[in-house]
């Protein structure tokens, strides 16, 4: 009898206190893509902060944003660490989600190797390098990126048309998964790529002739990248848990800035897998291509610009009211917990 009473007391105490790592915390199903822009998720998990806060994150890995969009419609996930492009597509197709935090901005760079990199060295601009390459080799440069509609793809198309003043078809855009982009660059199957870290660092380490043609801010100023999107169901059912998650996301962003070496160790189990050296991941965290941020208010205007461009080129068929896409109140509440 006394044992049952004691057990009941322990259960009640755990429920009241949210014992870290216990079965009595809040479970959130989280979909993510294993890429550097989702770094805050890796940091909070590796540091054990989520368990300490009573959050049990059940992670599911996806290969690309478009693949995640299909999964979002199933209603299986509470939280998505996803690119802003796929988030807009999901919302446009009726998936009831809200962006509650940003993760990174200006994270896409245009990198080249081989003949395109050589032409860039002697050109006044990346646009001139593309023209020179086409004239010399009698073909368009082949540029790899993630699948159509992804943020790297949109940023490449935006740069070509709006910034470089080139037709989008002035290059051959090849959409593929992130691992294949890296492989294509390293095997010289493509001339360049519109891509993010740690691929930019990996390629520059392994290919001495590789060079960044255009950095993120020059491709698309304040370009929104990865975001934290949450279903409206999760927001309604457990706003306290979502607010706690965003508070940890903010804390992880601060760690990425204050202690890149520690953050790299946190990221390594998610990205390294024994294939990417820890030192490379640390250099990628410190890279000028990596701009980790948390405040969703900083990307609203750029998201509107990206939405309008997506509509213009046909990758976003249905309108998305940007104001309805964001919920900044959660972020503000999370800030007060810091």
Protein backbone atom coordinates (compact mmCIF):
# COMPACT_ATOMS: atom_id res chain seq x y z
CA UNK A 1 0.00 0.00 0.00
CA UNK A 2 2.77 2.40 1.02
CA UNK A 3 4.65 1.52 -2.20
CA UNK A 4 1.62 2.43 -4.31
CA UNK A 5 1.22 5.73 -2.44
CA UNK A 6 4.90 6.52 -2.90
CA UNK A 7 4.70 5.71 -6.62
CA UNK A 8 1.66 7.92 -7.03
CA UNK A 9 3.49 10.77 -5.30
CA UNK A 10 6.49 10.38 -7.62
CA UNK A 11 4.19 10.42 -10.66
CA UNK A 12 2.41 13.54 -9.42
CA UNK A 13 5.71 15.29 -8.70
CA UNK A 14 7.03 14.44 -12.16
CA UNK A 15 3.90 15.79 -13.78
CA UNK A 16 4.09 19.00 -11.78
CA UNK A 17 7.80 19.60 -12.31
CA UNK A 18 8.22 18.17 -15.82
CA UNK A 19 11.11 15.95 -14.81
CA UNK A 20 13.80 16.17 -17.54
CA UNK A 21 13.93 13.11 -19.73
CA UNK A 22 10.96 11.47 -18.04
CA UNK A 23 8.02 9.91 -19.83
CA UNK A 24 5.85 12.71 -18.45
CA UNK A 25 7.20 15.60 -20.51
CA UNK A 26 5.63 16.99 -23.67
CA UNK A 27 6.23 15.01 -26.86
CA UNK A 28 6.65 16.97 -30.09
CA UNK A 29 7.07 15.27 -33.45
CA UNK A 30 9.71 17.14 -35.45
CA UNK A 31 10.49 16.85 -39.17
CA UNK A 32 13.84 18.19 -40.33
CA UNK A 33 16.40 18.09 -43.13
CA UNK A 34 19.95 17.19 -42.01
CA UNK A 35 21.63 20.38 -43.22
CA UNK A 36 23.62 23.13 -41.50
CA UNK A 37 20.82 25.74 -41.44
CA UNK A 38 18.94 23.55 -38.94
CA UNK A 39 21.90 23.90 -36.52
CA UNK A 40 19.85 25.18 -33.59
CA UNK A 41 17.92 21.91 -33.47
CA UNK A 42 21.14 19.90 -33.26
CA UNK A 43 22.57 22.16 -30.56
CA UNK A 44 19.54 21.98 -28.27
CA UNK A 45 19.33 18.22 -28.67
CA UNK A 46 23.04 17.52 -28.17
CA UNK A 47 23.26 19.86 -25.19
CA UNK A 48 20.36 18.05 -23.54
CA UNK A 49 18.38 21.25 -23.15
CA UNK A 50 15.17 19.79 -24.56
CA UNK A 51 15.10 16.95 -22.04
CA UNK A 52 15.92 19.34 -19.22
CA UNK A 53 12.93 21.43 -20.29
CA UNK A 54 10.65 18.39 -20.34
CA UNK A 55 10.42 18.28 -24.13
CA UNK A 56 10.64 14.91 -25.86
CA UNK A 57 11.46 15.66 -29.51
CA UNK A 58 10.75 12.74 -31.85
CA UNK A 59 12.87 13.53 -34.91
CA UNK A 60 12.21 12.36 -38.47
CA UNK A 61 14.78 13.09 -41.17
CA UNK A 62 13.82 14.11 -44.72
CA UNK A 63 15.98 14.45 -47.81
CA UNK A 64 14.48 17.71 -49.11
CA UNK A 65 11.96 20.44 -48.45
CA UNK A 66 9.53 19.35 -51.18
CA UNK A 67 9.52 15.83 -49.68
CA UNK A 68 8.72 17.34 -46.31
CA UNK A 69 5.83 19.35 -47.77
CA UNK A 70 4.10 16.11 -48.74
CA UNK A 71 4.60 14.77 -45.22
CA UNK A 72 3.30 17.97 -43.65
CA UNK A 73 -0.08 17.41 -45.25
CA UNK A 74 -0.42 14.10 -43.39
CA UNK A 75 -0.67 15.91 -40.06
CA UNK A 76 1.94 13.62 -38.45
CA UNK A 77 4.29 16.42 -37.39
CA UNK A 78 3.98 19.22 -34.87
CA UNK A 79 7.17 21.09 -35.78
CA UNK A 80 9.13 21.42 -39.01
CA UNK A 81 12.65 22.74 -39.40
CA UNK A 82 12.27 23.59 -43.06
CA UNK A 83 13.18 26.16 -45.70
CA UNK A 84 10.91 29.18 -46.04
CA UNK A 85 10.16 28.20 -49.66
CA UNK A 86 8.65 24.79 -48.81
CA UNK A 87 6.88 26.39 -45.83
CA UNK A 88 5.15 28.82 -48.19
CA UNK A 89 4.23 26.00 -50.57
CA UNK A 90 2.77 23.98 -47.69
CA UNK A 91 0.76 26.92 -46.40
CA UNK A 92 -0.47 27.73 -49.93
CA UNK A 93 -1.70 24.15 -50.23
CA UNK A 94 -3.75 24.34 -47.07
CA UNK A 95 -1.34 22.96 -44.46
CA UNK A 96 -2.23 24.92 -41.30
CA UNK A 97 1.19 26.05 -40.08
CA UNK A 98 2.85 29.16 -38.69
CA UNK A 99 6.47 30.27 -38.83
CA UNK A 100 7.48 31.02 -35.23
CA UNK A 101 11.24 31.56 -35.60
CA UNK A 102 13.93 32.07 -38.17
CA UNK A 103 17.09 29.95 -38.16
CA UNK A 104 19.45 31.49 -40.71
CA UNK A 105 19.59 34.20 -43.37
CA UNK A 106 21.75 34.76 -46.46
CA UNK A 107 23.00 31.17 -46.24
CA UNK A 108 23.19 30.43 -49.97
CA UNK A 109 26.37 31.04 -51.95
CA UNK A 110 27.14 30.51 -55.63
CA UNK A 111 30.35 28.48 -55.77
CA UNK A 112 32.26 27.50 -58.91
CA UNK A 113 35.09 25.16 -59.83
CA UNK A 114 37.14 24.45 -62.92
CA UNK A 115 36.65 26.57 -66.01
CA UNK A 116 33.86 28.69 -64.53
CA UNK A 117 36.01 29.58 -61.52
CA UNK A 118 38.89 30.42 -63.87
CA UNK A 119 36.66 32.64 -66.01
CA UNK A 120 35.41 34.38 -62.86
CA UNK A 121 38.97 35.24 -61.85
CA UNK A 122 39.38 37.29 -65.00
CA UNK A 123 35.89 38.79 -65.11
CA UNK A 124 34.50 41.94 -63.54
CA UNK A 125 31.42 40.13 -62.25
CA UNK A 126 29.92 36.66 -61.90
CA UNK A 127 27.49 37.55 -64.69
CA UNK A 128 30.40 38.33 -66.98
CA UNK A 129 32.01 35.01 -66.01
CA UNK A 130 28.88 33.15 -67.10
CA UNK A 131 28.84 34.99 -70.42
CA UNK A 132 32.55 34.30 -70.96
CA UNK A 133 32.15 30.61 -70.10
CA UNK A 134 29.26 30.22 -72.54
CA UNK A 135 31.15 31.96 -75.34
CA UNK A 136 34.34 29.96 -74.79
CA UNK A 137 32.85 26.48 -74.23
CA UNK A 138 29.78 26.79 -76.47
CA UNK A 139 27.49 25.60 -73.72
CA UNK A 140 25.80 27.00 -70.66
CA UNK A 141 27.42 26.51 -67.26
CA UNK A 142 25.80 23.60 -65.42
CA UNK A 143 24.75 24.75 -61.93
CA UNK A 144 23.60 22.25 -59.33
CA UNK A 145 21.21 23.14 -56.53
CA UNK A 146 18.45 21.58 -54.46
CA UNK A 147 15.10 20.68 -56.12
CA UNK A 148 12.95 23.34 -57.75
CA UNK A 149 11.05 25.39 -55.18
CA UNK A 150 13.70 24.95 -52.50
CA UNK A 151 15.40 28.05 -51.08
CA UNK A 152 18.76 27.45 -52.86
CA UNK A 153 16.92 27.03 -56.16
CA UNK A 154 14.82 30.17 -55.65
CA UNK A 155 17.83 32.23 -54.60
CA UNK A 156 19.76 31.14 -57.72
CA UNK A 157 16.89 32.07 -60.01
CA UNK A 158 16.40 35.38 -58.19
CA UNK A 159 20.08 36.27 -58.50
CA UNK A 160 20.14 35.46 -62.19
CA UNK A 161 17.11 37.54 -63.06
CA UNK A 162 17.03 40.35 -60.51
CA UNK A 163 20.65 40.88 -59.55
CA UNK A 164 22.78 39.62 -62.46
CA UNK A 165 20.21 40.73 -65.05
CA UNK A 166 20.58 37.42 -66.89
CA UNK A 167 17.82 35.18 -68.24
CA UNK A 168 17.19 32.27 -65.91
CA UNK A 169 17.98 29.90 -68.77
CA UNK A 170 21.45 31.42 -69.21
CA UNK A 171 22.64 28.52 -67.05
CA UNK A 172 21.55 24.88 -66.93
CA UNK A 173 20.00 24.42 -63.49
CA UNK A 174 20.21 20.85 -62.20
CA UNK A 175 18.08 20.06 -59.13
CA UNK A 176 19.18 17.23 -56.85
CA UNK A 177 19.60 16.22 -53.20
CA UNK A 178 22.24 17.88 -51.04
CA UNK A 179 24.63 14.89 -51.01
CA UNK A 180 24.47 14.68 -54.78
CA UNK A 181 25.24 18.39 -55.12
CA UNK A 182 28.43 17.89 -53.15
CA UNK A 183 29.36 14.79 -55.14
CA UNK A 184 28.65 16.54 -58.44
CA UNK A 185 30.98 19.40 -57.51
CA UNK A 186 33.76 17.14 -56.26
CA UNK A 187 33.61 14.92 -59.37
CA UNK A 188 33.43 18.00 -61.60
CA UNK A 189 30.13 16.85 -63.07
CA UNK A 190 28.83 20.42 -62.73
CA UNK A 191 30.52 23.78 -63.10
CA UNK A 192 29.11 25.30 -59.95
CA UNK A 193 26.36 25.18 -57.37
CA UNK A 194 23.94 27.40 -55.52
CA UNK A 195 24.31 25.76 -52.15
CA UNK A 196 24.91 26.18 -48.44
CA UNK A 197 27.23 25.08 -45.66
CA UNK A 198 28.93 22.75 -44.97
CA UNK A 199 29.18 21.96 -48.70
CA UNK A 200 30.76 25.34 -49.45
CA UNK A 201 33.54 24.69 -46.92
CA UNK A 202 34.00 21.03 -47.91
CA UNK A 203 34.38 21.90 -51.59
CA UNK A 204 36.79 24.75 -50.93
CA UNK A 205 38.92 22.48 -48.73
CA UNK A 206 39.11 19.67 -51.28
CA UNK A 207 39.25 21.68 -54.51
CA UNK A 208 41.93 24.38 -54.50
CA UNK A 209 40.49 26.01 -57.61
CA UNK A 210 36.97 26.37 -56.19
CA UNK A 211 35.82 29.86 -55.34
CA UNK A 212 32.71 31.66 -54.15
CA UNK A 213 31.37 33.67 -57.06
CA UNK A 214 28.54 35.37 -55.18
CA UNK A 215 27.92 35.42 -51.43
CA UNK A 216 24.48 35.18 -49.85
CA UNK A 217 23.68 38.86 -49.35
CA UNK A 218 24.68 39.68 -52.91
CA UNK A 219 22.50 36.88 -54.29
CA UNK A 220 19.37 37.91 -52.37
CA UNK A 221 19.69 40.56 -49.64
CA UNK A 222 18.30 39.36 -46.28
CA UNK A 223 17.28 36.12 -47.98
CA UNK A 224 15.17 34.03 -45.59
CA UNK A 225 16.43 30.48 -45.21
CA UNK A 226 15.51 27.79 -42.72
CA UNK A 227 12.67 28.49 -40.30
CA UNK A 228 10.82 26.82 -37.46
CA UNK A 229 7.26 26.13 -38.61
CA UNK A 230 4.61 24.79 -36.24
CA UNK A 231 1.16 23.41 -36.95
CA UNK A 232 -1.74 25.48 -35.66
CA UNK A 233 -2.94 22.35 -33.87
CA UNK A 234 0.26 22.21 -31.81
CA UNK A 235 0.05 25.93 -31.12
CA UNK A 236 -3.48 25.52 -29.84
CA UNK A 237 -2.91 22.31 -27.86
CA UNK A 238 0.33 23.26 -26.11
CA UNK A 239 1.47 26.86 -26.65
CA UNK A 240 3.71 26.62 -23.55
CA UNK A 241 5.70 23.76 -25.07
CA UNK A 242 6.12 25.60 -28.38
CA UNK A 243 7.20 28.75 -26.55
CA UNK A 244 9.75 26.69 -24.60
CA UNK A 245 11.06 25.18 -27.84
CA UNK A 246 11.53 28.64 -29.37
CA UNK A 247 13.26 29.83 -26.17
CA UNK A 248 15.74 26.97 -26.56
CA UNK A 249 16.12 27.84 -30.25
CA UNK A 250 17.11 31.39 -29.25
CA UNK A 251 19.57 30.00 -26.70
CA UNK A 252 21.08 27.73 -29.36
CA UNK A 253 21.49 30.68 -31.74
CA UNK A 254 23.41 32.53 -29.04
CA UNK A 255 25.71 29.51 -28.54
CA UNK A 256 26.40 29.30 -32.28
CA UNK A 257 27.69 32.87 -32.10
CA UNK A 258 29.49 32.74 -28.76
CA UNK A 259 31.13 29.30 -28.93
CA UNK A 260 31.38 27.92 -32.51
CA UNK A 261 33.72 25.10 -31.41
CA UNK A 262 31.20 23.78 -28.88
CA UNK A 263 28.36 24.23 -31.35
CA UNK A 264 30.31 22.27 -33.96
CA UNK A 265 30.65 19.36 -31.54
CA UNK A 266 26.88 19.46 -31.07
CA UNK A 267 26.24 19.52 -34.81
CA UNK A 268 28.76 16.79 -35.65
CA UNK A 269 26.56 13.75 -34.76
CA UNK A 270 23.85 15.06 -37.07
CA UNK A 271 26.02 16.08 -40.03
CA UNK A 272 29.41 14.46 -39.59
CA UNK A 273 28.52 10.77 -39.34
CA UNK A 274 32.23 10.05 -39.57
CA UNK A 275 32.41 11.44 -43.12
CA UNK A 276 32.91 15.15 -42.42
CA UNK A 277 35.73 16.04 -40.01
CA UNK A 278 34.76 18.01 -36.91
CA UNK A 279 37.24 20.72 -37.90
CA UNK A 280 35.39 21.18 -41.21
CA UNK A 281 32.07 21.56 -39.43
CA UNK A 282 33.58 24.15 -37.12
CA UNK A 283 34.92 26.11 -40.10
CA UNK A 284 31.43 25.91 -41.65
CA UNK A 285 29.87 27.31 -38.47
CA UNK A 286 32.37 30.18 -38.56
CA UNK A 287 31.95 30.68 -42.32
CA UNK A 288 30.84 34.09 -43.63
CA UNK A 289 28.08 32.17 -45.40
CA UNK A 290 26.56 31.15 -42.03
CA UNK A 291 24.29 33.84 -40.54
CA UNK A 292 22.31 32.30 -37.68
CA UNK A 293 19.35 34.34 -36.45
CA UNK A 294 16.18 33.64 -34.48
CA UNK A 295 13.84 36.60 -34.81
CA UNK A 296 11.14 35.87 -37.43
CA UNK A 297 10.32 39.57 -37.73
CA UNK A 298 13.64 40.13 -39.50
CA UNK A 299 12.64 37.98 -42.48
CA UNK A 300 9.03 39.07 -43.08
CA UNK A 301 9.83 41.64 -45.80
CA UNK A 302 12.32 39.36 -47.56
CA UNK A 303 9.80 36.50 -47.38
CA UNK A 304 7.27 38.73 -49.12
CA UNK A 305 9.85 39.46 -51.82
CA UNK A 306 10.58 35.75 -52.21
CA UNK A 307 6.87 34.96 -52.38
CA UNK A 308 6.30 37.51 -55.13
CA UNK A 309 9.24 36.19 -57.12
CA UNK A 310 8.07 32.58 -56.64
CA UNK A 311 4.64 33.52 -57.99
CA UNK A 312 6.27 35.30 -60.92
CA UNK A 313 8.32 32.27 -62.02
CA UNK A 314 5.58 29.74 -61.29
CA UNK A 315 6.99 27.83 -58.32
CA UNK A 316 4.22 29.10 -56.04
CA UNK A 317 0.93 28.70 -57.85
CA UNK A 318 -1.35 29.75 -54.99
CA UNK A 319 -1.16 33.05 -53.08
CA UNK A 320 0.21 33.05 -49.53
CA UNK A 321 -0.69 35.99 -47.27
CA UNK A 322 2.72 36.51 -45.64
CA UNK A 323 1.19 38.15 -42.60
CA UNK A 324 -0.81 34.98 -41.94
CA UNK A 325 2.27 32.79 -42.39
CA UNK A 326 4.02 34.22 -39.31
CA UNK A 327 3.23 34.12 -35.61
CA UNK A 328 5.69 36.51 -33.96
CA UNK A 329 3.91 36.50 -30.58
CA UNK A 330 5.44 33.11 -29.72
CA UNK A 331 8.94 34.48 -30.34
CA UNK A 332 8.28 37.52 -28.17
CA UNK A 333 6.98 35.29 -25.37
CA UNK A 334 10.06 33.08 -25.72
CA UNK A 335 12.33 36.12 -25.50
CA UNK A 336 10.83 36.97 -22.12
CA UNK A 337 11.94 33.53 -20.86
CA UNK A 338 15.61 34.29 -21.57
